[in-house]
Every structure is written in structure tokens, then in C-alpha cells.
């Protein structure tokens, strides 16, 4: 039995909400580290920028090579999965 046509988009909506929630956690953890100052704060600021650039580049390559899928739902889902994986890794490292 096939899912209802809106089921994929519903999951994408939930995944988007989860990405926002997880990202807000990382933002709080990062801000605490940056506010503490010192060499760790400087290193974290540099790492944050480098990670964001790398994550965006990886997603652009995946999109350009067709690895995100052929439907808008697949592309959105894989893009969210990509960013959620990066955000969860940061939460684990910072937490």
C-alpha cells in the first residue's frame, strides 16, 4: 500500500522542525564556549565557519551529481539528513 501523497512532506516538515531544535541546542552550546573566551573559543569560532562551508560544499556536490534524488521530496529529505547528521555530531562534541 502506498503512503498518502502528503506523507513524505509531513516527514520533511517534522525533520525540519527537528533540525531547528537540534541546531538551537548547538547554538547554545557554542555560545557558552565562545563566551568563556580563551584559545578554545577562538578555535571553536574558526571550526564553526570551516564546518559550515564544508557542509554546504558537500551538499552542493551531492546536488550537482544527482545524489540527492530525482524528486523534490527525496532532495529535501536527503538535504535535511545531511545537515542533521552534521548538527548532531556538533551537539555530541560540544555537549
PDB file of N, CA and C in Angstrom:
ATOM      1  N   UNK A   1       0.839  -1.183   0.000  1.00  0.00           N
ATOM      2  CA  UNK A   1       0.000   0.000   0.000  1.00  0.00           C
ATOM      3  C   UNK A   1       0.885   1.248   0.000  1.00  0.00           C
ATOM      4  N   UNK A   2       0.601   2.175  -0.863  1.00  0.00           N
ATOM      5  CA  UNK A   2       1.382   3.405  -0.988  1.00  0.00           C
ATOM      6  C   UNK A   2       0.956   4.408   0.087  1.00  0.00           C
ATOM      7  N   UNK A   3       1.957   5.148   0.578  1.00  0.00           N
ATOM      8  CA  UNK A   3       1.662   6.210   1.546  1.00  0.00           C
ATOM      9  C   UNK A   3       0.788   7.274   0.906  1.00  0.00           C
ATOM     10  N   UNK A   4       0.076   7.984   1.737  1.00  0.00           N
ATOM     11  CA  UNK A   4      -0.700   9.124   1.255  1.00  0.00           C
ATOM     12  C   UNK A   4       0.265  10.121   0.607  1.00  0.00           C
ATOM     13  N   UNK A   5      -0.164  10.861  -0.397  1.00  0.00           N
ATOM     14  CA  UNK A   5       0.739  11.760  -1.119  1.00  0.00           C
ATOM     15  C   UNK A   5       1.412  12.805  -0.233  1.00  0.00           C
ATOM     16  N   UNK A   6       0.788  13.150   0.841  1.00  0.00           N
ATOM     17  CA  UNK A   6       1.359  14.173   1.726  1.00  0.00           C
ATOM     18  C   UNK A   6       2.286  13.598   2.793  1.00  0.00           C
ATOM     19  N   UNK A   7       2.389  12.284   2.905  1.00  0.00           N
ATOM     20  CA  UNK A   7       3.172  11.669   3.984  1.00  0.00           C
ATOM     21  C   UNK A   7       4.647  12.052   3.905  1.00  0.00           C
ATOM     22  N   UNK A   8       5.223  12.061   2.699  1.00  0.00           N
ATOM     23  CA  UNK A   8       6.633  12.439   2.558  1.00  0.00           C
ATOM     24  C   UNK A   8       6.859  13.873   3.024  1.00  0.00           C
ATOM     25  N   UNK A   9       5.946  14.762   2.631  1.00  0.00           N
ATOM     26  CA  UNK A   9       6.098  16.158   3.024  1.00  0.00           C
ATOM     27  C   UNK A   9       5.884  16.342   4.524  1.00  0.00           C
ATOM     28  N   UNK A  10       5.029  15.533   5.113  1.00  0.00           N
ATOM     29  CA  UNK A  10       4.822  15.603   6.561  1.00  0.00           C
ATOM     30  C   UNK A  10       6.111  15.222   7.287  1.00  0.00           C
ATOM     31  N   UNK A  11       6.769  14.157   6.825  1.00  0.00           N
ATOM     32  CA  UNK A  11       8.037  13.743   7.429  1.00  0.00           C
ATOM     33  C   UNK A  11       9.099  14.826   7.240  1.00  0.00           C
ATOM     34  N   UNK A  12       9.125  15.445   6.078  1.00  0.00           N
ATOM     35  CA  UNK A  12      10.078  16.525   5.828  1.00  0.00           C
ATOM     36  C   UNK A  12       9.813  17.684   6.783  1.00  0.00           C
ATOM     37  N   UNK A  13       8.554  17.985   7.034  1.00  0.00           N
ATOM     38  CA  UNK A  13       8.215  19.036   7.991  1.00  0.00           C
ATOM     39  C   UNK A  13       8.701  18.704   9.394  1.00  0.00           C
ATOM     40  N   UNK A  14       8.507  17.470   9.801  1.00  0.00           N
ATOM     41  CA  UNK A  14       8.965  17.036  11.128  1.00  0.00           C
ATOM     42  C   UNK A  14      10.487  17.067  11.200  1.00  0.00           C
ATOM     43  N   UNK A  15      11.151  16.585  10.147  1.00  0.00           N
ATOM     44  CA  UNK A  15      12.615  16.609  10.118  1.00  0.00           C
ATOM     45  C   UNK A  15      13.147  18.042  10.145  1.00  0.00           C
ATOM     46  N   UNK A  16      12.450  18.950   9.483  1.00  0.00           N
ATOM     47  CA  UNK A  16      12.847  20.366   9.508  1.00  0.00           C
ATOM     48  C   UNK A  16      12.733  20.929  10.922  1.00  0.00           C
ATOM     49  N   UNK A  17      11.645  20.591  11.588  1.00  0.00           N
ATOM     50  CA  UNK A  17      11.456  21.036  12.966  1.00  0.00           C
ATOM     51  C   UNK A  17      12.574  20.482  13.856  1.00  0.00           C
ATOM     52  N   UNK A  18      12.895  19.205  13.671  1.00  0.00           N
ATOM     53  CA  UNK A  18      13.955  18.583  14.474  1.00  0.00           C
ATOM     54  C   UNK A  18      15.306  19.241  14.207  1.00  0.00           C
ATOM     55  N   UNK A  19      15.594  19.554  12.951  1.00  0.00           N
ATOM     56  CA  UNK A  19      16.843  20.245  12.628  1.00  0.00           C
ATOM     57  C   UNK A  19      16.901  21.580  13.364  1.00  0.00           C
ATOM     58  N   UNK A  20      15.810  22.310  13.368  1.00  0.00           N
ATOM     59  CA  UNK A  20      15.780  23.580  14.089  1.00  0.00           C
ATOM     60  C   UNK A  20      16.015  23.407  15.579  1.00  0.00           C
ATOM     61  N   UNK A  21      15.396  22.397  16.153  1.00  0.00           N
ATOM     62  CA  UNK A  21      15.563  22.125  17.584  1.00  0.00           C
ATOM     63  C   UNK A  21      17.014  21.748  17.893  1.00  0.00           C
ATOM     64  N   UNK A  22      17.561  20.835  17.102  1.00  0.00           N
ATOM     65  CA  UNK A  22      18.943  20.388  17.326  1.00  0.00           C
ATOM     66  C   UNK A  22      19.927  21.531  17.101  1.00  0.00           C
ATOM     67  N   UNK A  23      19.684  22.343  16.084  1.00  0.00           N
ATOM     68  CA  UNK A  23      20.575  23.469  15.810  1.00  0.00           C
ATOM     69  C   UNK A  23      20.540  24.483  16.952  1.00  0.00           C
ATOM     70  N   UNK A  24      19.365  24.709  17.531  1.00  0.00           N
ATOM     71  CA  UNK A  24      19.292  25.660  18.642  1.00  0.00           C
ATOM     72  C   UNK A  24      20.086  25.162  19.844  1.00  0.00           C
ATOM     73  N   UNK A  25      20.126  23.851  20.025  1.00  0.00           N
ATOM     74  CA  UNK A  25      20.942  23.276  21.095  1.00  0.00           C
ATOM     75  C   UNK A  25      22.417  23.547  20.838  1.00  0.00           C
ATOM     76  N   UNK A  26      22.852  23.318  19.608  1.00  0.00           N
ATOM     77  CA  UNK A  26      24.256  23.550  19.255  1.00  0.00           C
ATOM     78  C   UNK A  26      24.601  25.030  19.387  1.00  0.00           C
ATOM     79  N   UNK A  27      23.695  25.896  18.988  1.00  0.00           N
ATOM     80  CA  UNK A  27      23.944  27.334  19.116  1.00  0.00           C
ATOM     81  C   UNK A  27      24.179  27.700  20.579  1.00  0.00           C
ATOM     82  N   UNK A  28      23.351  27.181  21.470  1.00  0.00           N
ATOM     83  CA  UNK A  28      23.531  27.451  22.897  1.00  0.00           C
ATOM     84  C   UNK A  28      24.860  26.934  23.424  1.00  0.00           C
ATOM     85  N   UNK A  29      25.214  25.718  23.042  1.00  0.00           N
ATOM     86  CA  UNK A  29      26.485  25.141  23.488  1.00  0.00           C
ATOM     87  C   UNK A  29      27.672  25.931  22.938  1.00  0.00           C
ATOM     88  N   UNK A  30      27.567  26.324  21.686  1.00  0.00           N
ATOM     89  CA  UNK A  30      28.654  27.096  21.073  1.00  0.00           C
ATOM     90  C   UNK A  30      28.779  28.469  21.717  1.00  0.00           C
ATOM     91  N   UNK A  31      27.658  29.120  21.968  1.00  0.00           N
ATOM     92  CA  UNK A  31      27.707  30.449  22.573  1.00  0.00           C
ATOM     93  C   UNK A  31      28.348  30.394  23.954  1.00  0.00           C
ATOM     94  N   UNK A  32      28.053  29.344  24.706  1.00  0.00           N
ATOM     95  CA  UNK A  32      28.675  29.189  26.026  1.00  0.00           C
ATOM     96  C   UNK A  32      30.186  29.054  25.883  1.00  0.00           C
ATOM     97  N   UNK A  33      30.618  28.280  24.900  1.00  0.00           N
ATOM     98  CA  UNK A  33      32.054  28.090  24.681  1.00  0.00           C
ATOM     99  C   UNK A  33      32.706  29.394  24.227  1.00  0.00           C
ATOM    100  N   UNK A  34      32.050  30.103  23.321  1.00  0.00           N
ATOM    101  CA  UNK A  34      32.606  31.370  22.845  1.00  0.00           C
ATOM    102  C   UNK A  34      32.636  32.414  23.958  1.00  0.00           C
ATOM    103  N   UNK A  35      31.611  32.439  24.791  1.00  0.00           N
ATOM    104  CA  UNK A  35      31.553  33.411  25.887  1.00  0.00           C
ATOM    105  C   UNK A  35      32.635  33.157  26.929  1.00  0.00           C
ATOM    106  N   UNK A  36      33.067  31.902  27.044  1.00  0.00           N
ATOM    107  CA  UNK A  36      34.118  31.568  28.010  1.00  0.00           C
ATOM    108  C   UNK A  36      35.458  32.161  27.598  1.00  0.00           C
ATOM    109  N   UNK A  37      35.604  32.441  26.301  1.00  0.00           N
ATOM    110  CA  UNK A  37      36.839  33.054  25.815  1.00  0.00           C
ATOM    111  C   UNK A  37      38.006  32.083  25.787  1.00  0.00           C
ATOM    112  N   UNK A  38      39.169  32.634  25.550  1.00  0.00           N
ATOM    113  CA  UNK A  38      40.388  31.838  25.528  1.00  0.00           C
ATOM    114  C   UNK A  38      40.632  31.166  24.190  1.00  0.00           C
ATOM    115  N   UNK A  39      41.697  30.366  24.145  1.00  0.00           N
ATOM    116  CA  UNK A  39      42.067  29.712  22.885  1.00  0.00           C
ATOM    117  C   UNK A  39      40.997  28.746  22.380  1.00  0.00           C
ATOM    118  N   UNK A  40      40.273  28.121  23.301  1.00  0.00           N
ATOM    119  CA  UNK A  40      39.209  27.204  22.895  1.00  0.00           C
ATOM    120  C   UNK A  40      38.096  27.922  22.150  1.00  0.00           C
ATOM    121  N   UNK A  41      37.800  29.144  22.573  1.00  0.00           N
ATOM    122  CA  UNK A  41      36.748  29.924  21.915  1.00  0.00           C
ATOM    123  C   UNK A  41      37.169  30.319  20.509  1.00  0.00           C
ATOM    124  N   UNK A  42      38.394  30.735  20.374  1.00  0.00           N
ATOM    125  CA  UNK A  42      38.896  31.122  19.057  1.00  0.00           C
ATOM    126  C   UNK A  42      38.910  29.932  18.106  1.00  0.00           C
ATOM    127  N   UNK A  43      39.359  28.800  18.605  1.00  0.00           N
ATOM    128  CA  UNK A  43      39.391  27.584  17.781  1.00  0.00           C
ATOM    129  C   UNK A  43      37.979  27.167  17.384  1.00  0.00           C
ATOM    130  N   UNK A  44      37.029  27.300  18.308  1.00  0.00           N
ATOM    131  CA  UNK A  44      35.640  26.928  18.013  1.00  0.00           C
ATOM    132  C   UNK A  44      35.043  27.846  16.957  1.00  0.00           C
ATOM    133  N   UNK A  45      35.340  29.128  17.035  1.00  0.00           N
ATOM    134  CA  UNK A  45      34.822  30.068  16.036  1.00  0.00           C
ATOM    135  C   UNK A  45      35.353  29.726  14.648  1.00  0.00           C
ATOM    136  N   UNK A  46      36.625  29.417  14.571  1.00  0.00           N
ATOM    137  CA  UNK A  46      37.211  29.048  13.279  1.00  0.00           C
ATOM    138  C   UNK A  46      36.645  27.725  12.776  1.00  0.00           C
ATOM    139  N   UNK A  47      36.499  26.783  13.674  1.00  0.00           N
ATOM    140  CA  UNK A  47      35.953  25.480  13.297  1.00  0.00           C
ATOM    141  C   UNK A  47      34.516  25.616  12.802  1.00  0.00           C
ATOM    142  N   UNK A  48      33.741  26.455  13.483  1.00  0.00           N
ATOM    143  CA  UNK A  48      32.344  26.647  13.119  1.00  0.00           C
ATOM    144  C   UNK A  48      32.226  27.129  11.671  1.00  0.00           C
ATOM    145  N   UNK A  49      33.015  28.116  11.311  1.00  0.00           N
ATOM    146  CA  UNK A  49      32.960  28.655   9.949  1.00  0.00           C
ATOM    147  C   UNK A  49      33.403  27.600   8.941  1.00  0.00           C
ATOM    148  N   UNK A  50      34.497  26.916   9.237  1.00  0.00           N
ATOM    149  CA  UNK A  50      35.003  25.886   8.318  1.00  0.00           C
ATOM    150  C   UNK A  50      33.994  24.752   8.138  1.00  0.00           C
ATOM    151  N   UNK A  51      33.360  24.335   9.232  1.00  0.00           N
ATOM    152  CA  UNK A  51      32.369  23.253   9.149  1.00  0.00           C
ATOM    153  C   UNK A  51      31.170  23.650   8.306  1.00  0.00           C
ATOM    154  N   UNK A  52      30.714  24.882   8.473  1.00  0.00           N
ATOM    155  CA  UNK A  52      29.556  25.343   7.699  1.00  0.00           C
ATOM    156  C   UNK A  52      29.881  25.372   6.212  1.00  0.00           C
ATOM    157  N   UNK A  53      31.062  25.848   5.869  1.00  0.00           N
ATOM    158  CA  UNK A  53      31.467  25.888   4.466  1.00  0.00           C
ATOM    159  C   UNK A  53      31.590  24.476   3.893  1.00  0.00           C
ATOM    160  N   UNK A  54      32.175  23.573   4.660  1.00  0.00           N
ATOM    161  CA  UNK A  54      32.341  22.193   4.210  1.00  0.00           C
ATOM    162  C   UNK A  54      30.991  21.504   4.029  1.00  0.00           C
ATOM    163  N   UNK A  55      30.094  21.678   4.976  1.00  0.00           N
ATOM    164  CA  UNK A  55      28.771  21.043   4.885  1.00  0.00           C
ATOM    165  C   UNK A  55      28.006  21.556   3.667  1.00  0.00           C
ATOM    166  N   UNK A  56      28.070  22.848   3.424  1.00  0.00           N
ATOM    167  CA  UNK A  56      27.383  23.419   2.260  1.00  0.00           C
ATOM    168  C   UNK A  56      28.004  22.909   0.964  1.00  0.00           C
ATOM    169  N   UNK A  57      29.325  22.831   0.924  1.00  0.00           N
ATOM    170  CA  UNK A  57      30.017  22.326  -0.269  1.00  0.00           C
ATOM    171  C   UNK A  57      29.624  20.875  -0.541  1.00  0.00           C
ATOM    172  N   UNK A  58      29.622  20.051   0.474  1.00  0.00           N
ATOM    173  CA  UNK A  58      29.254  18.643   0.298  1.00  0.00           C
ATOM    174  C   UNK A  58      27.842  18.510  -0.267  1.00  0.00           C
ATOM    175  N   UNK A  59      26.932  19.326   0.231  1.00  0.00           N
ATOM    176  CA  UNK A  59      25.553  19.265  -0.248  1.00  0.00           C
ATOM    177  C   UNK A  59      25.453  19.752  -1.694  1.00  0.00           C
ATOM    178  N   UNK A  60      26.200  20.779  -2.041  1.00  0.00           N
ATOM    179  CA  UNK A  60      26.196  21.268  -3.422  1.00  0.00           C
ATOM    180  C   UNK A  60      26.729  20.213  -4.388  1.00  0.00           C
ATOM    181  N   UNK A  61      27.788  19.517  -3.990  1.00  0.00           N
ATOM    182  CA  UNK A  61      28.339  18.450  -4.832  1.00  0.00           C
ATOM    183  C   UNK A  61      27.316  17.332  -4.995  1.00  0.00           C
ATOM    184  N   UNK A  62      26.664  16.959  -3.905  1.00  0.00           N
ATOM    185  CA  UNK A  62      25.641  15.911  -3.976  1.00  0.00           C
ATOM    186  C   UNK A  62      24.507  16.327  -4.909  1.00  0.00           C
ATOM    187  N   UNK A  63      24.107  17.576  -4.843  1.00  0.00           N
ATOM    188  CA  UNK A  63      23.032  18.063  -5.715  1.00  0.00           C
ATOM    189  C   UNK A  63      23.479  18.072  -7.177  1.00  0.00           C
ATOM    190  N   UNK A  64      24.696  18.526  -7.415  1.00  0.00           N
ATOM    191  CA  UNK A  64      25.196  18.631  -8.788  1.00  0.00           C
ATOM    192  C   UNK A  64      25.410  17.271  -9.441  1.00  0.00           C
ATOM    193  N   UNK A  65      25.683  16.266  -8.633  1.00  0.00           N
ATOM    194  CA  UNK A  65      25.944  14.929  -9.180  1.00  0.00           C
ATOM    195  C   UNK A  65      24.719  14.027  -9.135  1.00  0.00           C
ATOM    196  N   UNK A  66      23.599  14.562  -8.712  1.00  0.00           N
ATOM    197  CA  UNK A  66      22.360  13.794  -8.706  1.00  0.00           C
ATOM    198  C   UNK A  66      22.185  12.839  -7.546  1.00  0.00           C
ATOM    199  N   UNK A  67      23.025  12.953  -6.535  1.00  0.00           N
ATOM    200  CA  UNK A  67      22.933  12.038  -5.399  1.00  0.00           C
ATOM    201  C   UNK A  67      21.832  12.387  -4.405  1.00  0.00           C
ATOM    202  N   UNK A  68      21.139  13.490  -4.628  1.00  0.00           N
ATOM    203  CA  UNK A  68      20.048  13.846  -3.716  1.00  0.00           C
ATOM    204  C   UNK A  68      18.724  13.224  -4.133  1.00  0.00           C
ATOM    205  N   UNK A  69      18.683  12.636  -5.297  1.00  0.00           N
ATOM    206  CA  UNK A  69      17.452  12.007  -5.752  1.00  0.00           C
ATOM    207  C   UNK A  69      16.806  12.782  -6.883  1.00  0.00           C
ATOM    208  N   UNK A  70      15.733  12.223  -7.402  1.00  0.00           N
ATOM    209  CA  UNK A  70      15.107  12.813  -8.588  1.00  0.00           C
ATOM    210  C   UNK A  70      13.792  13.528  -8.295  1.00  0.00           C
ATOM    211  N   UNK A  71      13.303  13.426  -7.084  1.00  0.00           N
ATOM    212  CA  UNK A  71      12.055  14.110  -6.743  1.00  0.00           C
ATOM    213  C   UNK A  71      12.329  15.209  -5.719  1.00  0.00           C
ATOM    214  N   UNK A  72      11.492  16.215  -5.683  1.00  0.00           N
ATOM    215  CA  UNK A  72      11.679  17.264  -4.676  1.00  0.00           C
ATOM    216  C   UNK A  72      11.663  16.707  -3.248  1.00  0.00           C
ATOM    217  N   UNK A  73      10.806  15.717  -3.009  1.00  0.00           N
ATOM    218  CA  UNK A  73      10.736  15.128  -1.672  1.00  0.00           C
ATOM    219  C   UNK A  73      12.052  14.441  -1.305  1.00  0.00           C
ATOM    220  N   UNK A  74      12.617  13.676  -2.229  1.00  0.00           N
ATOM    221  CA  UNK A  74      13.881  12.985  -1.963  1.00  0.00           C
ATOM    222  C   UNK A  74      14.999  13.986  -1.740  1.00  0.00           C
ATOM    223  N   UNK A  75      15.040  15.023  -2.546  1.00  0.00           N
ATOM    224  CA  UNK A  75      16.084  16.032  -2.417  1.00  0.00           C
ATOM    225  C   UNK A  75      15.997  16.754  -1.076  1.00  0.00           C
ATOM    226  N   UNK A  76      14.798  17.139  -0.690  1.00  0.00           N
ATOM    227  CA  UNK A  76      14.618  17.821   0.596  1.00  0.00           C
ATOM    228  C   UNK A  76      14.978  16.900   1.750  1.00  0.00           C
ATOM    229  N   UNK A  77      14.549  15.653   1.666  1.00  0.00           N
ATOM    230  CA  UNK A  77      14.812  14.689   2.731  1.00  0.00           C
ATOM    231  C   UNK A  77      16.308  14.435   2.896  1.00  0.00           C
ATOM    232  N   UNK A  78      17.005  14.245   1.789  1.00  0.00           N
ATOM    233  CA  UNK A  78      18.451  13.981   1.873  1.00  0.00           C
ATOM    234  C   UNK A  78      19.225  15.212   2.322  1.00  0.00           C
ATOM    235  N   UNK A  79      18.789  16.392   1.922  1.00  0.00           N
ATOM    236  CA  UNK A  79      19.447  17.613   2.383  1.00  0.00           C
ATOM    237  C   UNK A  79      19.282  17.771   3.895  1.00  0.00           C
ATOM    238  N   UNK A  80      18.077  17.525   4.385  1.00  0.00           N
ATOM    239  CA  UNK A  80      17.849  17.602   5.830  1.00  0.00           C
ATOM    240  C   UNK A  80      18.669  16.559   6.574  1.00  0.00           C
ATOM    241  N   UNK A  81      18.724  15.344   6.044  1.00  0.00           N
ATOM    242  CA  UNK A  81      19.501  14.281   6.677  1.00  0.00           C
ATOM    243  C   UNK A  81      20.979  14.678   6.764  1.00  0.00           C
ATOM    244  N   UNK A  82      21.480  15.277   5.693  1.00  0.00           N
ATOM    245  CA  UNK A  82      22.879  15.724   5.653  1.00  0.00           C
ATOM    246  C   UNK A  82      23.155  16.728   6.773  1.00  0.00           C
ATOM    247  N   UNK A  83      22.317  17.757   6.860  1.00  0.00           N
ATOM    248  CA  UNK A  83      22.545  18.781   7.876  1.00  0.00           C
ATOM    249  C   UNK A  83      22.278  18.272   9.287  1.00  0.00           C
ATOM    250  N   UNK A  84      21.279  17.426   9.458  1.00  0.00           N
ATOM    251  CA  UNK A  84      21.012  16.894  10.801  1.00  0.00           C
ATOM    252  C   UNK A  84      22.180  16.056  11.303  1.00  0.00           C
ATOM    253  N   UNK A  85      22.800  15.302  10.413  1.00  0.00           N
ATOM    254  CA  UNK A  85      23.955  14.487  10.809  1.00  0.00           C
ATOM    255  C   UNK A  85      25.088  15.391  11.296  1.00  0.00           C
ATOM    256  N   UNK A  86      25.335  16.487  10.597  1.00  0.00           N
ATOM    257  CA  UNK A  86      26.388  17.432  10.991  1.00  0.00           C
ATOM    258  C   UNK A  86      26.052  18.094  12.329  1.00  0.00           C
ATOM    259  N   UNK A  87      24.807  18.500  12.482  1.00  0.00           N
ATOM    260  CA  UNK A  87      24.392  19.183  13.715  1.00  0.00           C
ATOM    261  C   UNK A  87      24.476  18.233  14.906  1.00  0.00           C
ATOM    262  N   UNK A  88      24.035  16.987  14.734  1.00  0.00           N
ATOM    263  CA  UNK A  88      24.114  16.013  15.838  1.00  0.00           C
ATOM    264  C   UNK A  88      25.560  15.743  16.230  1.00  0.00           C
ATOM    265  N   UNK A  89      26.464  15.694  15.261  1.00  0.00           N
ATOM    266  CA  UNK A  89      27.884  15.489  15.574  1.00  0.00           C
ATOM    267  C   UNK A  89      28.414  16.655  16.409  1.00  0.00           C
ATOM    268  N   UNK A  90      28.009  17.867  16.070  1.00  0.00           N
ATOM    269  CA  UNK A  90      28.435  19.029  16.853  1.00  0.00           C
ATOM    270  C   UNK A  90      27.848  19.002  18.252  1.00  0.00           C
ATOM    271  N   UNK A  91      26.600  18.621  18.372  1.00  0.00           N
ATOM    272  CA  UNK A  91      25.974  18.549  19.698  1.00  0.00           C
ATOM    273  C   UNK A  91      26.709  17.542  20.572  1.00  0.00           C
ATOM    274  N   UNK A  92      27.059  16.414  19.993  1.00  0.00           N
ATOM    275  CA  UNK A  92      27.781  15.385  20.748  1.00  0.00           C
ATOM    276  C   UNK A  92      29.161  15.894  21.168  1.00  0.00           C
ATOM    277  N   UNK A  93      29.855  16.549  20.255  1.00  0.00           N
ATOM    278  CA  UNK A  93      31.201  17.048  20.543  1.00  0.00           C
ATOM    279  C   UNK A  93      31.176  18.168  21.579  1.00  0.00           C
ATOM    280  N   UNK A  94      30.210  19.062  21.477  1.00  0.00           N
ATOM    281  CA  UNK A  94      30.159  20.212  22.380  1.00  0.00           C
ATOM    282  C   UNK A  94      29.515  19.899  23.725  1.00  0.00           C
ATOM    283  N   UNK A  95      28.649  18.886  23.738  1.00  0.00           N
ATOM    284  CA  UNK A  95      27.893  18.571  24.951  1.00  0.00           C
ATOM    285  C   UNK A  95      28.694  17.803  25.906  1.00  0.00           C
TER     286      UNK A  95
END
